[in-house]
Amino acid sequence: PGVLLYLMDQGYSSAQLTEMLYRESGLKGLSGLSHDMRTLLASD
């Protein structure tokens, strides 16, 4: 949760954090490619 406190101090709003945490993170965020495991397994 300290990450969220830091990002709030950097000016991120609640709406921006919600969008990032729910829709732009996880496999999609880490890979920068896709949220689909089939796509990731086929990628080098």
PDB file of all heavy atoms in Angstrom:
ATOM      1  N   PRO A   1       0.807  -1.222   0.000  1.00  0.00           N
ATOM      2  CA  PRO A   1       0.000   0.000   0.000  1.00  0.00           C
ATOM      3  C   PRO A   1       0.838   1.269   0.000  1.00  0.00           C
ATOM      4  O   PRO A   1       0.349   2.333  -0.394  1.00  0.00           O
ATOM      5  CB  PRO A   1      -0.847  -0.117   1.274  1.00  0.00           C
ATOM      6  CG  PRO A   1      -0.159  -1.140   2.115  1.00  0.00           C
ATOM      7  CD  PRO A   1       0.515  -2.082   1.166  1.00  0.00           C
ATOM      8  N   GLY A   2       2.107   1.143   0.402  1.00  0.00           N
ATOM      9  CA  GLY A   2       2.989   2.301   0.335  1.00  0.00           C
ATOM     10  C   GLY A   2       3.197   2.794  -1.083  1.00  0.00           C
ATOM     11  O   GLY A   2       3.457   3.991  -1.299  1.00  0.00           O
ATOM     12  N   VAL A   3       3.091   1.891  -2.056  1.00  0.00           N
ATOM     13  CA  VAL A   3       3.200   2.307  -3.459  1.00  0.00           C
ATOM     14  C   VAL A   3       2.079   3.282  -3.802  1.00  0.00           C
ATOM     15  O   VAL A   3       2.289   4.289  -4.490  1.00  0.00           O
ATOM     16  CB  VAL A   3       3.146   1.076  -4.389  1.00  0.00           C
ATOM     17  CG1 VAL A   3       3.078   1.509  -5.853  1.00  0.00           C
ATOM     18  CG2 VAL A   3       4.356   0.177  -4.166  1.00  0.00           C
ATOM     19  N   LEU A   4       0.868   3.006  -3.309  1.00  0.00           N
ATOM     20  CA  LEU A   4      -0.264   3.886  -3.596  1.00  0.00           C
ATOM     21  C   LEU A   4      -0.089   5.237  -2.919  1.00  0.00           C
ATOM     22  O   LEU A   4      -0.404   6.282  -3.507  1.00  0.00           O
ATOM     23  CB  LEU A   4      -1.561   3.231  -3.145  1.00  0.00           C
ATOM     24  CG  LEU A   4      -1.873   1.874  -3.772  1.00  0.00           C
ATOM     25  CD1 LEU A   4      -3.212   1.358  -3.274  1.00  0.00           C
ATOM     26  CD2 LEU A   4      -1.880   1.972  -5.293  1.00  0.00           C
ATOM     27  N   LEU A   5       0.429   5.239  -1.681  1.00  0.00           N
ATOM     28  CA  LEU A   5       0.686   6.512  -1.006  1.00  0.00           C
ATOM     29  C   LEU A   5       1.705   7.333  -1.792  1.00  0.00           C
ATOM     30  O   LEU A   5       1.551   8.553  -1.953  1.00  0.00           O
ATOM     31  CB  LEU A   5       1.187   6.253   0.412  1.00  0.00           C
ATOM     32  CG  LEU A   5       0.207   5.540   1.351  1.00  0.00           C
ATOM     33  CD1 LEU A   5       0.867   5.272   2.701  1.00  0.00           C
ATOM     34  CD2 LEU A   5      -1.066   6.356   1.535  1.00  0.00           C
ATOM     35  N   TYR A   6       2.737   6.666  -2.288  1.00  0.00           N
ATOM     36  CA  TYR A   6       3.753   7.358  -3.092  1.00  0.00           C
ATOM     37  C   TYR A   6       3.138   7.947  -4.360  1.00  0.00           C
ATOM     38  O   TYR A   6       3.387   9.111  -4.704  1.00  0.00           O
ATOM     39  CB  TYR A   6       4.873   6.377  -3.442  1.00  0.00           C
ATOM     40  CG  TYR A   6       5.815   6.886  -4.500  1.00  0.00           C
ATOM     41  CD1 TYR A   6       6.812   7.809  -4.196  1.00  0.00           C
ATOM     42  CD2 TYR A   6       5.693   6.462  -5.824  1.00  0.00           C
ATOM     43  CE1 TYR A   6       7.673   8.293  -5.175  1.00  0.00           C
ATOM     44  CE2 TYR A   6       6.549   6.940  -6.812  1.00  0.00           C
ATOM     45  CZ  TYR A   6       7.538   7.839  -6.480  1.00  0.00           C
ATOM     46  OH  TYR A   6       8.377   8.318  -7.460  1.00  0.00           O
ATOM     47  N   LEU A   7       2.325   7.142  -5.064  1.00  0.00           N
ATOM     48  CA  LEU A   7       1.728   7.618  -6.312  1.00  0.00           C
ATOM     49  C   LEU A   7       0.752   8.766  -6.059  1.00  0.00           C
ATOM     50  O   LEU A   7       0.658   9.704  -6.865  1.00  0.00           O
ATOM     51  CB  LEU A   7       1.031   6.469  -7.025  1.00  0.00           C
ATOM     52  CG  LEU A   7       1.955   5.367  -7.557  1.00  0.00           C
ATOM     53  CD1 LEU A   7       1.146   4.208  -8.137  1.00  0.00           C
ATOM     54  CD2 LEU A   7       2.916   5.914  -8.614  1.00  0.00           C
ATOM     55  N   MET A   8       0.040   8.716  -4.944  1.00  0.00           N
ATOM     56  CA  MET A   8      -0.847   9.826  -4.602  1.00  0.00           C
ATOM     57  C   MET A   8      -0.047  11.096  -4.363  1.00  0.00           C
ATOM     58  O   MET A   8      -0.442  12.190  -4.799  1.00  0.00           O
ATOM     59  CB  MET A   8      -1.684   9.463  -3.375  1.00  0.00           C
ATOM     60  CG  MET A   8      -2.730   8.386  -3.637  1.00  0.00           C
ATOM     61  SD  MET A   8      -3.480   7.749  -2.125  1.00  0.00           S
ATOM     62  CE  MET A   8      -4.323   9.201  -1.519  1.00  0.00           C
ATOM     63  N   ASP A   9       1.100  10.960  -3.705  1.00  0.00           N
ATOM     64  CA  ASP A   9       1.971  12.121  -3.497  1.00  0.00           C
ATOM     65  C   ASP A   9       2.512  12.660  -4.815  1.00  0.00           C
ATOM     66  O   ASP A   9       2.848  13.850  -4.920  1.00  0.00           O
ATOM     67  CB  ASP A   9       3.141  11.764  -2.575  1.00  0.00           C
ATOM     68  CG  ASP A   9       2.717  11.607  -1.125  1.00  0.00           C
ATOM     69  OD1 ASP A   9       1.628  12.112  -0.765  1.00  0.00           O
ATOM     70  OD2 ASP A   9       3.467  10.987  -0.344  1.00  0.00           O
ATOM     71  N   GLN A  10       2.598  11.783  -5.826  1.00  0.00           N
ATOM     72  CA  GLN A  10       3.059  12.208  -7.145  1.00  0.00           C
ATOM     73  C   GLN A  10       1.944  12.840  -7.978  1.00  0.00           C
ATOM     74  O   GLN A  10       2.163  13.219  -9.124  1.00  0.00           O
ATOM     75  CB  GLN A  10       3.647  11.013  -7.900  1.00  0.00           C
ATOM     76  CG  GLN A  10       4.857  10.371  -7.242  1.00  0.00           C
ATOM     77  CD  GLN A  10       5.985  11.360  -7.040  1.00  0.00           C
ATOM     78  OE1 GLN A  10       6.440  11.997  -7.985  1.00  0.00           O
ATOM     79  NE2 GLN A  10       6.437  11.495  -5.794  1.00  0.00           N
ATOM     80  N   GLY A  11       0.739  12.890  -7.408  1.00  0.00           N
ATOM     81  CA  GLY A  11      -0.351  13.572  -8.080  1.00  0.00           C
ATOM     82  C   GLY A  11      -1.385  12.690  -8.728  1.00  0.00           C
ATOM     83  O   GLY A  11      -2.311  13.194  -9.376  1.00  0.00           O
ATOM     84  N   TYR A  12      -1.266  11.368  -8.568  1.00  0.00           N
ATOM     85  CA  TYR A  12      -2.269  10.476  -9.162  1.00  0.00           C
ATOM     86  C   TYR A  12      -3.589  10.601  -8.401  1.00  0.00           C
ATOM     87  O   TYR A  12      -3.617  10.576  -7.161  1.00  0.00           O
ATOM     88  CB  TYR A  12      -1.797   9.031  -9.117  1.00  0.00           C
ATOM     89  CG  TYR A  12      -0.828   8.651 -10.201  1.00  0.00           C
ATOM     90  CD1 TYR A  12       0.524   8.979 -10.096  1.00  0.00           C
ATOM     91  CD2 TYR A  12      -1.249   7.972 -11.339  1.00  0.00           C
ATOM     92  CE1 TYR A  12       1.431   8.643 -11.101  1.00  0.00           C
ATOM     93  CE2 TYR A  12      -0.357   7.620 -12.345  1.00  0.00           C
ATOM     94  CZ  TYR A  12       0.975   7.967 -12.220  1.00  0.00           C
ATOM     95  OH  TYR A  12       1.858   7.632 -13.212  1.00  0.00           O
ATOM     96  N   SER A  13      -4.674  10.706  -9.147  1.00  0.00           N
ATOM     97  CA  SER A  13      -5.997  10.770  -8.535  1.00  0.00           C
ATOM     98  C   SER A  13      -6.522   9.367  -8.274  1.00  0.00           C
ATOM     99  O   SER A  13      -5.984   8.375  -8.783  1.00  0.00           O
ATOM    100  CB  SER A  13      -6.964  11.504  -9.463  1.00  0.00           C
ATOM    101  OG  SER A  13      -7.208  10.726 -10.636  1.00  0.00           O
ATOM    102  N   SER A  14      -7.604   9.290  -7.504  1.00  0.00           N
ATOM    103  CA  SER A  14      -8.245   8.003  -7.247  1.00  0.00           C
ATOM    104  C   SER A  14      -8.684   7.355  -8.556  1.00  0.00           C
ATOM    105  O   SER A  14      -8.513   6.144  -8.747  1.00  0.00           O
ATOM    106  CB  SER A  14      -9.443   8.198  -6.324  1.00  0.00           C
ATOM    107  OG  SER A  14     -10.191   7.008  -6.196  1.00  0.00           O
ATOM    108  N   ALA A  15      -9.250   8.153  -9.465  1.00  0.00           N
ATOM    109  CA  ALA A  15      -9.707   7.608 -10.745  1.00  0.00           C
ATOM    110  C   ALA A  15      -8.541   7.080 -11.572  1.00  0.00           C
ATOM    111  O   ALA A  15      -8.648   6.030 -12.218  1.00  0.00           O
ATOM    112  CB  ALA A  15     -10.463   8.684 -11.534  1.00  0.00           C
ATOM    113  N   GLN A  16      -7.416   7.787 -11.568  1.00  0.00           N
ATOM    114  CA  GLN A  16      -6.245   7.335 -12.321  1.00  0.00           C
ATOM    115  C   GLN A  16      -5.679   6.039 -11.738  1.00  0.00           C
ATOM    116  O   GLN A  16      -5.288   5.132 -12.477  1.00  0.00           O
ATOM    117  CB  GLN A  16      -5.178   8.421 -12.330  1.00  0.00           C
ATOM    118  CG  GLN A  16      -5.518   9.621 -13.199  1.00  0.00           C
ATOM    119  CD  GLN A  16      -4.504  10.746 -13.033  1.00  0.00           C
ATOM    120  OE1 GLN A  16      -4.091  11.085 -11.916  1.00  0.00           O
ATOM    121  NE2 GLN A  16      -4.100  11.327 -14.157  1.00  0.00           N
ATOM    122  N   LEU A  17      -5.630   5.958 -10.411  1.00  0.00           N
ATOM    123  CA  LEU A  17      -5.134   4.740  -9.772  1.00  0.00           C
ATOM    124  C   LEU A  17      -6.062   3.562 -10.066  1.00  0.00           C
ATOM    125  O   LEU A  17      -5.598   2.450 -10.334  1.00  0.00           O
ATOM    126  CB  LEU A  17      -5.002   4.948  -8.266  1.00  0.00           C
ATOM    127  CG  LEU A  17      -3.891   5.883  -7.811  1.00  0.00           C
ATOM    128  CD1 LEU A  17      -3.963   6.103  -6.306  1.00  0.00           C
ATOM    129  CD2 LEU A  17      -2.516   5.346  -8.199  1.00  0.00           C
ATOM    130  N   THR A  18      -7.363   3.793 -10.019  1.00  0.00           N
ATOM    131  CA  THR A  18      -8.320   2.731 -10.316  1.00  0.00           C
ATOM    132  C   THR A  18      -8.115   2.206 -11.730  1.00  0.00           C
ATOM    133  O   THR A  18      -8.076   0.986 -11.962  1.00  0.00           O
ATOM    134  CB  THR A  18      -9.762   3.247 -10.146  1.00  0.00           C
ATOM    135  OG1 THR A  18      -9.959   3.616  -8.783  1.00  0.00           O
ATOM    136  CG2 THR A  18     -10.774   2.180 -10.531  1.00  0.00           C
ATOM    137  N   GLU A  19      -7.980   3.111 -12.693  1.00  0.00           N
ATOM    138  CA  GLU A  19      -7.765   2.710 -14.086  1.00  0.00           C
ATOM    139  C   GLU A  19      -6.484   1.900 -14.226  1.00  0.00           C
ATOM    140  O   GLU A  19      -6.463   0.865 -14.901  1.00  0.00           O
ATOM    141  CB  GLU A  19      -7.711   3.961 -14.976  1.00  0.00           C
ATOM    142  CG  GLU A  19      -7.461   3.683 -16.444  1.00  0.00           C
ATOM    143  CD  GLU A  19      -8.619   2.997 -17.142  1.00  0.00           C
ATOM    144  OE1 GLU A  19      -9.752   3.043 -16.617  1.00  0.00           O
ATOM    145  OE2 GLU A  19      -8.402   2.408 -18.225  1.00  0.00           O
ATOM    146  N   MET A  20      -5.420   2.344 -13.593  1.00  0.00           N
ATOM    147  CA  MET A  20      -4.141   1.648 -13.724  1.00  0.00           C
ATOM    148  C   MET A  20      -4.181   0.273 -13.057  1.00  0.00           C
ATOM    149  O   MET A  20      -3.756  -0.734 -13.646  1.00  0.00           O
ATOM    150  CB  MET A  20      -3.013   2.477 -13.106  1.00  0.00           C
ATOM    151  CG  MET A  20      -1.644   1.799 -13.196  1.00  0.00           C
ATOM    152  SD  MET A  20      -0.331   2.790 -12.483  1.00  0.00           S
ATOM    153  CE  MET A  20      -0.758   2.740 -10.739  1.00  0.00           C
ATOM    154  N   LEU A  21      -4.686   0.202 -11.834  1.00  0.00           N
ATOM    155  CA  LEU A  21      -4.639  -1.040 -11.076  1.00  0.00           C
ATOM    156  C   LEU A  21      -5.550  -2.112 -11.645  1.00  0.00           C
ATOM    157  O   LEU A  21      -5.222  -3.298 -11.610  1.00  0.00           O
ATOM    158  CB  LEU A  21      -5.006  -0.781  -9.616  1.00  0.00           C
ATOM    159  CG  LEU A  21      -4.072   0.150  -8.837  1.00  0.00           C
ATOM    160  CD1 LEU A  21      -4.608   0.359  -7.437  1.00  0.00           C
ATOM    161  CD2 LEU A  21      -2.658  -0.391  -8.790  1.00  0.00           C
ATOM    162  N   TYR A  22      -6.707  -1.707 -12.183  1.00  0.00           N
ATOM    163  CA  TYR A  22      -7.678  -2.674 -12.686  1.00  0.00           C
ATOM    164  C   TYR A  22      -7.499  -2.993 -14.166  1.00  0.00           C
ATOM    165  O   TYR A  22      -7.775  -4.119 -14.587  1.00  0.00           O
ATOM    166  CB  TYR A  22      -9.105  -2.157 -12.475  1.00  0.00           C
ATOM    167  CG  TYR A  22      -9.660  -2.415 -11.093  1.00  0.00           C
ATOM    168  CD1 TYR A  22      -9.623  -1.428 -10.119  1.00  0.00           C
ATOM    169  CD2 TYR A  22     -10.223  -3.641 -10.772  1.00  0.00           C
ATOM    170  CE1 TYR A  22     -10.145  -1.649  -8.845  1.00  0.00           C
ATOM    171  CE2 TYR A  22     -10.752  -3.881  -9.503  1.00  0.00           C
ATOM    172  CZ  TYR A  22     -10.703  -2.876  -8.545  1.00  0.00           C
ATOM    173  OH  TYR A  22     -11.215  -3.124  -7.291  1.00  0.00           O
ATOM    174  N   ARG A  23      -7.026  -2.026 -14.959  1.00  0.00           N
ATOM    175  CA  ARG A  23      -7.083  -2.212 -16.414  1.00  0.00           C
ATOM    176  C   ARG A  23      -5.736  -2.137 -17.129  1.00  0.00           C
ATOM    177  O   ARG A  23      -5.650  -2.543 -18.285  1.00  0.00           O
ATOM    178  CB  ARG A  23      -8.023  -1.173 -17.024  1.00  0.00           C
ATOM    179  CG  ARG A  23      -9.463  -1.323 -16.553  1.00  0.00           C
ATOM    180  CD  ARG A  23     -10.377  -0.280 -17.179  1.00  0.00           C
ATOM    181  NE  ARG A  23     -11.776  -0.525 -16.810  1.00  0.00           N
ATOM    182  CZ  ARG A  23     -12.345  -0.061 -15.711  1.00  0.00           C
ATOM    183  NH1 ARG A  23     -11.637   0.683 -14.876  1.00  0.00           N
ATOM    184  NH2 ARG A  23     -13.622  -0.325 -15.435  1.00  0.00           N
ATOM    185  N   GLU A  24      -4.691  -1.659 -16.456  1.00  0.00           N
ATOM    186  CA  GLU A  24      -3.414  -1.461 -17.145  1.00  0.00           C
ATOM    187  C   GLU A  24      -2.267  -2.208 -16.494  1.00  0.00           C
ATOM    188  O   GLU A  24      -1.112  -2.035 -16.906  1.00  0.00           O
ATOM    189  CB  GLU A  24      -3.080   0.043 -17.196  1.00  0.00           C
ATOM    190  CG  GLU A  24      -4.119   0.890 -17.918  1.00  0.00           C
ATOM    191  CD  GLU A  24      -4.264   0.523 -19.381  1.00  0.00           C
ATOM    192  OE1 GLU A  24      -3.277   0.029 -19.970  1.00  0.00           O
ATOM    193  OE2 GLU A  24      -5.373   0.704 -19.938  1.00  0.00           O
ATOM    194  N   SER A  25      -2.543  -3.038 -15.520  1.00  0.00           N
ATOM    195  CA  SER A  25      -1.491  -3.708 -14.767  1.00  0.00           C
ATOM    196  C   SER A  25      -1.454  -5.202 -15.085  1.00  0.00           C
ATOM    197  O   SER A  25      -1.829  -5.613 -16.175  1.00  0.00           O
ATOM    198  CB  SER A  25      -1.690  -3.442 -13.266  1.00  0.00           C
ATOM    199  OG  SER A  25      -1.594  -2.063 -12.980  1.00  0.00           O
ATOM    200  N   GLY A  26      -1.013  -6.029 -14.140  1.00  0.00           N
ATOM    201  CA  GLY A  26      -0.978  -7.468 -14.344  1.00  0.00           C
ATOM    202  C   GLY A  26      -0.106  -7.873 -15.517  1.00  0.00           C
ATOM    203  O   GLY A  26       0.929  -7.259 -15.809  1.00  0.00           O
ATOM    204  N   LEU A  27      -0.504  -8.924 -16.216  1.00  0.00           N
ATOM    205  CA  LEU A  27       0.261  -9.421 -17.362  1.00  0.00           C
ATOM    206  C   LEU A  27       0.375  -8.367 -18.454  1.00  0.00           C
ATOM    207  O   LEU A  27       1.419  -8.226 -19.096  1.00  0.00           O
ATOM    208  CB  LEU A  27      -0.399 -10.687 -17.914  1.00  0.00           C
ATOM    209  CG  LEU A  27      -0.378 -11.918 -17.004  1.00  0.00           C
ATOM    210  CD1 LEU A  27      -1.232 -13.031 -17.603  1.00  0.00           C
ATOM    211  CD2 LEU A  27       1.040 -12.401 -16.751  1.00  0.00           C
ATOM    212  N   LYS A  28      -0.701  -7.617 -18.655  1.00  0.00           N
ATOM    213  CA  LYS A  28      -0.681  -6.569 -19.677  1.00  0.00           C
ATOM    214  C   LYS A  28       0.344  -5.502 -19.334  1.00  0.00           C
ATOM    215  O   LYS A  28       1.138  -5.080 -20.195  1.00  0.00           O
ATOM    216  CB  LYS A  28      -2.070  -5.945 -19.798  1.00  0.00           C
ATOM    217  CG  LYS A  28      -2.157  -4.802 -20.799  1.00  0.00           C
ATOM    218  CD  LYS A  28      -3.559  -4.206 -20.818  1.00  0.00           C
ATOM    219  CE  LYS A  28      -3.650  -3.021 -21.768  1.00  0.00           C
ATOM    220  NZ  LYS A  28      -5.026  -2.421 -21.753  1.00  0.00           N
ATOM    221  N   GLY A  29       0.356  -5.059 -18.080  1.00  0.00           N
ATOM    222  CA  GLY A  29       1.282  -4.008 -17.685  1.00  0.00           C
ATOM    223  C   GLY A  29       2.730  -4.457 -17.691  1.00  0.00           C
ATOM    224  O   GLY A  29       3.616  -3.743 -18.168  1.00  0.00           O
ATOM    225  N   LEU A  30       2.984  -5.658 -17.169  1.00  0.00           N
ATOM    226  CA  LEU A  30       4.361  -6.155 -17.098  1.00  0.00           C
ATOM    227  C   LEU A  30       4.934  -6.446 -18.476  1.00  0.00           C
ATOM    228  O   LEU A  30       6.112  -6.187 -18.733  1.00  0.00           O
ATOM    229  CB  LEU A  30       4.413  -7.430 -16.247  1.00  0.00           C
ATOM    230  CG  LEU A  30       4.316  -7.243 -14.738  1.00  0.00           C
ATOM    231  CD1 LEU A  30       4.198  -8.609 -14.054  1.00  0.00           C
ATOM    232  CD2 LEU A  30       5.533  -6.496 -14.204  1.00  0.00           C
ATOM    233  N   SER A  31       4.111  -6.987 -19.355  1.00  0.00           N
ATOM    234  CA  SER A  31       4.613  -7.370 -20.682  1.00  0.00           C
ATOM    235  C   SER A  31       4.628  -6.200 -21.663  1.00  0.00           C
ATOM    236  O   SER A  31       5.430  -6.178 -22.606  1.00  0.00           O
ATOM    237  CB  SER A  31       3.766  -8.502 -21.265  1.00  0.00           C
ATOM    238  OG  SER A  31       2.465  -8.039 -21.617  1.00  0.00           O
ATOM    239  N   GLY A  32       3.701  -5.248 -21.449  1.00  0.00           N
ATOM    240  CA  GLY A  32       3.538  -4.191 -22.436  1.00  0.00           C
ATOM    241  C   GLY A  32       3.006  -4.715 -23.756  1.00  0.00           C
ATOM    242  O   GLY A  32       3.035  -4.019 -24.775  1.00  0.00           O
ATOM    243  N   LEU A  33       2.498  -5.943 -23.738  1.00  0.00           N
ATOM    244  CA  LEU A  33       2.107  -6.616 -24.977  1.00  0.00           C
ATOM    245  C   LEU A  33       0.647  -7.042 -24.978  1.00  0.00           C
ATOM    246  O   LEU A  33      -0.117  -6.700 -25.877  1.00  0.00           O
ATOM    247  CB  LEU A  33       3.012  -7.837 -25.198  1.00  0.00           C
ATOM    248  CG  LEU A  33       2.777  -8.691 -26.445  1.00  0.00           C
ATOM    249  CD1 LEU A  33       3.070  -7.873 -27.693  1.00  0.00           C
ATOM    250  CD2 LEU A  33       3.661  -9.953 -26.385  1.00  0.00           C
ATOM    251  N   SER A  34       0.247  -7.821 -23.963  1.00  0.00           N
ATOM    252  CA  SER A  34      -1.095  -8.389 -23.967  1.00  0.00           C
ATOM    253  C   SER A  34      -1.428  -8.914 -22.573  1.00  0.00           C
ATOM    254  O   SER A  34      -0.547  -9.241 -21.779  1.00  0.00           O
ATOM    255  CB  SER A  34      -1.174  -9.543 -24.970  1.00  0.00           C
ATOM    256  OG  SER A  34      -2.441 -10.192 -24.905  1.00  0.00           O
ATOM    257  N   HIS A  35      -2.744  -9.007 -22.319  1.00  0.00           N
ATOM    258  CA  HIS A  35      -3.212  -9.665 -21.099  1.00  0.00           C
ATOM    259  C   HIS A  35      -3.487 -11.135 -21.337  1.00  0.00           C
ATOM    260  O   HIS A  35      -3.756 -11.873 -20.387  1.00  0.00           O
ATOM    261  CB  HIS A  35      -4.504  -9.005 -20.607  1.00  0.00           C
ATOM    262  CG  HIS A  35      -5.677  -9.269 -21.487  1.00  0.00           C
ATOM    263  ND1 HIS A  35      -5.926  -8.555 -22.643  1.00  0.00           N
ATOM    264  CD2 HIS A  35      -6.681 -10.189 -21.415  1.00  0.00           C
ATOM    265  CE1 HIS A  35      -7.017  -9.011 -23.215  1.00  0.00           C
ATOM    266  NE2 HIS A  35      -7.505 -10.005 -22.499  1.00  0.00           N
ATOM    267  N   ASP A  36      -3.405 -11.592 -22.583  1.00  0.00           N
ATOM    268  CA  ASP A  36      -3.785 -12.949 -22.970  1.00  0.00           C
ATOM    269  C   ASP A  36      -2.589 -13.888 -22.835  1.00  0.00           C
ATOM    270  O   ASP A  36      -1.566 -13.702 -23.494  1.00  0.00           O
ATOM    271  CB  ASP A  36      -4.303 -12.948 -24.405  1.00  0.00           C
ATOM    272  CG  ASP A  36      -5.011 -14.245 -24.780  1.00  0.00           C
ATOM    273  OD1 ASP A  36      -4.461 -15.324 -24.492  1.00  0.00           O
ATOM    274  OD2 ASP A  36      -6.102 -14.178 -25.371  1.00  0.00           O
ATOM    275  N   MET A  37      -2.732 -14.912 -21.993  1.00  0.00           N
ATOM    276  CA  MET A  37      -1.627 -15.843 -21.766  1.00  0.00           C
ATOM    277  C   MET A  37      -1.220 -16.555 -23.042  1.00  0.00           C
ATOM    278  O   MET A  37      -0.032 -16.870 -23.238  1.00  0.00           O
ATOM    279  CB  MET A  37      -2.033 -16.861 -20.686  1.00  0.00           C
ATOM    280  CG  MET A  37      -0.932 -17.858 -20.335  1.00  0.00           C
ATOM    281  SD  MET A  37       0.599 -17.081 -19.728  1.00  0.00           S
ATOM    282  CE  MET A  37       0.061 -16.563 -18.091  1.00  0.00           C
ATOM    283  N   ARG A  38      -2.141 -16.836 -23.942  1.00  0.00           N
ATOM    284  CA  ARG A  38      -1.803 -17.497 -25.196  1.00  0.00           C
ATOM    285  C   ARG A  38      -0.839 -16.649 -26.013  1.00  0.00           C
ATOM    286  O   ARG A  38       0.139 -17.165 -26.587  1.00  0.00           O
ATOM    287  CB  ARG A  38      -3.074 -17.786 -26.002  1.00  0.00           C
ATOM    288  CG  ARG A  38      -4.007 -18.801 -25.349  1.00  0.00           C
ATOM    289  CD  ARG A  38      -5.384 -18.817 -26.000  1.00  0.00           C
ATOM    290  NE  ARG A  38      -6.099 -17.561 -25.765  1.00  0.00           N
ATOM    291  CZ  ARG A  38      -7.378 -17.377 -26.062  1.00  0.00           C
ATOM    292  NH1 ARG A  38      -8.088 -18.357 -26.597  1.00  0.00           N
ATOM    293  NH2 ARG A  38      -7.975 -16.226 -25.816  1.00  0.00           N
ATOM    294  N   THR A  39      -1.081 -15.353 -26.051  1.00  0.00           N
ATOM    295  CA  THR A  39      -0.197 -14.441 -26.784  1.00  0.00           C
ATOM    296  C   THR A  39       1.175 -14.391 -26.128  1.00  0.00           C
ATOM    297  O   THR A  39       2.209 -14.407 -26.817  1.00  0.00           O
ATOM    298  CB  THR A  39      -0.808 -13.032 -26.826  1.00  0.00           C
ATOM    299  OG1 THR A  39      -2.085 -13.095 -27.472  1.00  0.00           O
ATOM    300  CG2 THR A  39       0.093 -12.055 -27.569  1.00  0.00           C
ATOM    301  N   LEU A  40       1.211 -14.336 -24.815  1.00  0.00           N
ATOM    302  CA  LEU A  40       2.490 -14.234 -24.098  1.00  0.00           C
ATOM    303  C   LEU A  40       3.316 -15.504 -24.250  1.00  0.00           C
ATOM    304  O   LEU A  40       4.538 -15.444 -24.434  1.00  0.00           O
ATOM    305  CB  LEU A  40       2.235 -13.929 -22.626  1.00  0.00           C
ATOM    306  CG  LEU A  40       1.501 -12.617 -22.330  1.00  0.00           C
ATOM    307  CD1 LEU A  40       1.341 -12.426 -20.824  1.00  0.00           C
ATOM    308  CD2 LEU A  40       2.209 -11.433 -22.952  1.00  0.00           C
ATOM    309  N   LEU A  41       2.667 -16.667 -24.172  1.00  0.00           N
ATOM    310  CA  LEU A  41       3.404 -17.919 -24.320  1.00  0.00           C
ATOM    311  C   LEU A  41       3.984 -18.076 -25.729  1.00  0.00           C
ATOM    312  O   LEU A  41       5.018 -18.722 -25.910  1.00  0.00           O
ATOM    313  CB  LEU A  41       2.493 -19.108 -23.998  1.00  0.00           C
ATOM    314  CG  LEU A  41       2.172 -19.334 -22.526  1.00  0.00           C
ATOM    315  CD1 LEU A  41       1.070 -20.382 -22.364  1.00  0.00           C
ATOM    316  CD2 LEU A  41       3.419 -19.764 -21.749  1.00  0.00           C
ATOM    317  N   ALA A  42       3.333 -17.480 -26.712  1.00  0.00           N
ATOM    318  CA  ALA A  42       3.809 -17.586 -28.092  1.00  0.00           C
ATOM    319  C   ALA A  42       4.864 -16.539 -28.430  1.00  0.00           C
ATOM    320  O   ALA A  42       5.449 -16.585 -29.518  1.00  0.00           O
ATOM    321  CB  ALA A  42       2.629 -17.443 -29.056  1.00  0.00           C
ATOM    322  N   SER A  43       5.125 -15.619 -27.517  1.00  0.00           N
ATOM    323  CA  SER A  43       6.024 -14.506 -27.800  1.00  0.00           C
ATOM    324  C   SER A  43       7.430 -14.774 -27.263  1.00  0.00           C
ATOM    325  O   SER A  43       7.597 -15.417 -26.216  1.00  0.00           O
ATOM    326  CB  SER A  43       5.482 -13.223 -27.168  1.00  0.00           C
ATOM    327  OG  SER A  43       6.393 -12.156 -27.301  1.00  0.00           O
ATOM    328  N   ASP A  44       8.434 -14.263 -27.968  1.00  0.00           N
ATOM    329  CA  ASP A  44       9.809 -14.312 -27.459  1.00  0.00           C
ATOM    330  C   ASP A  44      10.260 -12.940 -26.952  1.00  0.00           C
ATOM    331  O   ASP A  44      11.436 -12.739 -26.661  1.00  0.00           O
ATOM    332  CB  ASP A  44      10.771 -14.818 -28.533  1.00  0.00           C
ATOM    333  CG  ASP A  44      10.751 -13.965 -29.803  1.00  0.00           C
ATOM    334  OD1 ASP A  44      10.032 -12.947 -29.831  1.00  0.00           O
ATOM    335  OD2 ASP A  44      11.459 -14.332 -30.770  1.00  0.00           O
TER     336      ASP A  44
END
